[in-house]
Structure formats: C-alpha cells, structure tokens
Amino acid sequence: METIQHTAKRVDRQLLVITHLSQLLTYITGFGGLIVPLVIWLSKKDDIINMDKQGRDIINFQISMILWAIISIPLIFLFGLGILTLIAVGILSFVLPIVNAVRASDEQEPIYFMTINFL
C-alpha cells in the first residue's frame, strides 16, 4: 500500500533574502551570482512560499544582465555606447538585489526591470 505525503509550504523570508543577496557573489567570485541562487531555487522551490516565483525572477535577471553585458561589448566601438551600458549593468546588478532583498523581507514582490523572461 502506497502512502502519499503532502508537505506544506512554509514561509522563510530569511532564505528569500539570502537568495536575493547571493547575487552579489558575482562581485566576489565572478560567477557565483548565478550559480548559488540557481542551486537555492532548485532545491527549495517546492518547500518555501514565493521561492519559485522569486527564484525564477532572480535567474531571469542574472541571465539578462549577462546578456546585456555581452551585447554592450560590441557597442563600445559604436560611439562608446557600450561603456554606458556596462556601467548601467554594473549599477543595476549591485543595487537591485539589495533593494529586492529588502522587499522580500517585507513580503513584497521583487522588481527586476530590464529583465528578459527566459523561465
């Protein structure tokens, strides 16, 4: 006889905040800002309320920022527009995770603009 267990989702605002702030690892390791939130999201998306949506938003944001940085490299040769784009990507990649970590601790929806929805 098979038993089916239903696990109830729980609220864990601290893990949501850590997931948002883990994007800042890009500035320390160079690549951790995508990998660490991805691992947290994949392992906890079924256990924590709002983790699935916010994790998808974080991954979409990280992939978009990488894409914007890659696109801006050839734009450097076109009137220097790529330098402005790289500066904007650097500022947004630093500020938005902090802002959204605060929003997650207040149980508000994260706001990531300039994001392409891949997931």
Protein backbone atom coordinates (compact mmCIF):
# COMPACT_ATOMS: atom_id res chain seq x y z
CA MET A 1 0.00 0.00 0.00
CA GLU A 2 1.34 3.38 -1.05
CA THR A 3 1.27 6.36 1.25
CA ILE A 4 1.25 9.84 -0.17
CA GLN A 5 2.77 12.58 1.89
CA HIS A 6 1.92 16.18 1.23
CA THR A 7 4.44 18.63 2.51
CA ALA A 8 3.09 22.03 3.39
CA LYS A 9 4.99 25.03 2.16
CA ARG A 10 6.40 27.26 4.82
CA VAL A 11 7.27 30.93 4.97
CA ASP A 12 11.00 31.59 5.10
CA ARG A 13 11.71 35.25 4.42
CA GLN A 14 15.32 34.88 5.54
CA LEU A 15 16.11 32.35 2.83
CA LEU A 16 14.43 34.59 0.25
CA VAL A 17 16.61 37.48 1.40
CA ILE A 18 19.73 35.31 1.25
CA THR A 19 18.77 34.16 -2.24
CA HIS A 20 18.48 37.77 -3.43
CA LEU A 21 21.73 38.81 -1.74
CA SER A 22 23.61 35.78 -3.07
CA GLN A 23 23.57 37.50 -6.46
CA LEU A 24 26.25 39.82 -5.11
CA LEU A 25 28.70 36.91 -5.16
CA THR A 26 29.36 37.91 -8.76
CA TYR A 27 31.46 40.78 -7.41
CA ILE A 28 33.49 38.40 -5.24
CA THR A 29 33.85 35.20 -7.30
CA GLY A 30 32.83 36.36 -10.77
CA PHE A 31 30.28 33.61 -11.35
CA GLY A 32 28.58 32.78 -8.05
CA GLY A 33 25.80 35.29 -8.60
CA LEU A 34 24.08 32.91 -11.00
CA ILE A 35 25.03 29.52 -9.61
CA VAL A 36 24.21 29.98 -5.91
CA PRO A 37 20.68 31.40 -6.44
CA LEU A 38 20.06 28.67 -9.02
CA VAL A 39 21.01 25.95 -6.55
CA ILE A 40 18.91 27.50 -3.76
CA TRP A 41 15.94 27.94 -6.08
CA LEU A 42 16.09 24.40 -7.47
CA SER A 43 16.41 22.83 -4.04
CA LYS A 44 13.80 24.89 -2.17
CA LYS A 45 11.22 25.95 -4.78
CA ASP A 46 8.71 23.33 -3.62
CA ASP A 47 9.25 23.92 0.11
CA ILE A 48 9.04 27.70 0.57
CA ILE A 49 6.23 30.07 -0.33
CA ASN A 50 7.20 32.53 -3.12
CA MET A 51 10.56 30.82 -3.72
CA ASP A 52 9.53 29.53 -7.14
CA LYS A 53 8.47 32.94 -8.49
CA GLN A 54 11.25 34.94 -6.89
CA GLY A 55 13.86 32.34 -7.84
CA ARG A 56 12.72 32.50 -11.46
CA ASP A 57 12.89 36.29 -11.32
CA ILE A 58 16.43 36.15 -9.95
CA ILE A 59 17.65 33.68 -12.58
CA ASN A 60 15.98 35.66 -15.38
CA PHE A 61 17.61 38.83 -14.05
CA GLN A 62 21.07 37.26 -13.87
CA ILE A 63 20.83 35.80 -17.38
CA SER A 64 19.57 39.14 -18.69
CA MET A 65 22.43 41.06 -17.07
CA ILE A 66 24.95 38.64 -18.58
CA LEU A 67 23.29 39.09 -21.96
CA TRP A 68 23.27 42.89 -21.65
CA ALA A 69 26.98 42.82 -20.76
CA ILE A 70 27.79 40.64 -23.78
CA ILE A 71 25.75 42.87 -26.09
CA SER A 72 27.45 46.00 -24.75
CA ILE A 73 30.95 44.81 -25.70
CA PRO A 74 30.49 45.36 -29.46
CA LEU A 75 28.62 48.59 -28.69
CA ILE A 76 31.82 50.03 -27.21
CA PHE A 77 33.07 50.51 -30.76
CA LEU A 78 29.84 52.29 -31.73
CA PHE A 79 30.21 55.77 -30.23
CA GLY A 80 31.11 54.36 -26.83
CA LEU A 81 27.52 53.37 -26.04
CA GLY A 82 28.73 50.05 -24.68
CA ILE A 83 30.58 51.76 -21.86
CA LEU A 84 27.35 53.40 -20.70
CA THR A 85 25.55 50.07 -20.97
CA LEU A 86 28.26 48.30 -18.95
CA ILE A 87 28.05 50.99 -16.25
CA ALA A 88 24.26 50.60 -16.13
CA VAL A 89 24.56 46.81 -15.91
CA GLY A 90 27.09 47.11 -13.09
CA ILE A 91 24.94 49.54 -11.11
CA LEU A 92 21.70 47.58 -11.63
CA SER A 93 23.38 44.28 -10.78
CA PHE A 94 24.55 45.74 -7.49
CA VAL A 95 21.54 47.83 -6.44
CA LEU A 96 18.55 45.69 -7.45
CA PRO A 97 19.49 42.58 -5.42
CA ILE A 98 19.80 44.75 -2.30
CA VAL A 99 16.51 46.55 -2.95
CA ASN A 100 14.72 43.28 -3.65
CA ALA A 101 16.19 41.62 -0.57
CA VAL A 102 14.62 44.39 1.50
CA ARG A 103 11.36 43.95 -0.42
CA ALA A 104 11.44 40.18 0.19
CA SER A 105 11.94 40.72 3.91
CA ASP A 106 8.82 42.94 3.88
CA GLU A 107 6.89 40.25 1.93
CA GLN A 108 6.62 42.40 -1.21
CA GLU A 109 7.09 41.30 -4.80
CA PRO A 110 10.59 41.86 -6.22
CA ILE A 111 11.03 44.37 -9.02
CA TYR A 112 13.61 43.47 -11.65
CA PHE A 113 13.38 45.67 -14.71
CA MET A 114 15.35 45.28 -17.94
CA THR A 115 14.78 41.55 -17.48
CA ILE A 116 14.01 39.12 -20.29
CA ASN A 117 11.76 36.27 -19.14
CA PHE A 118 13.52 33.03 -20.06
CA LEU A 119 11.92 30.79 -17.43
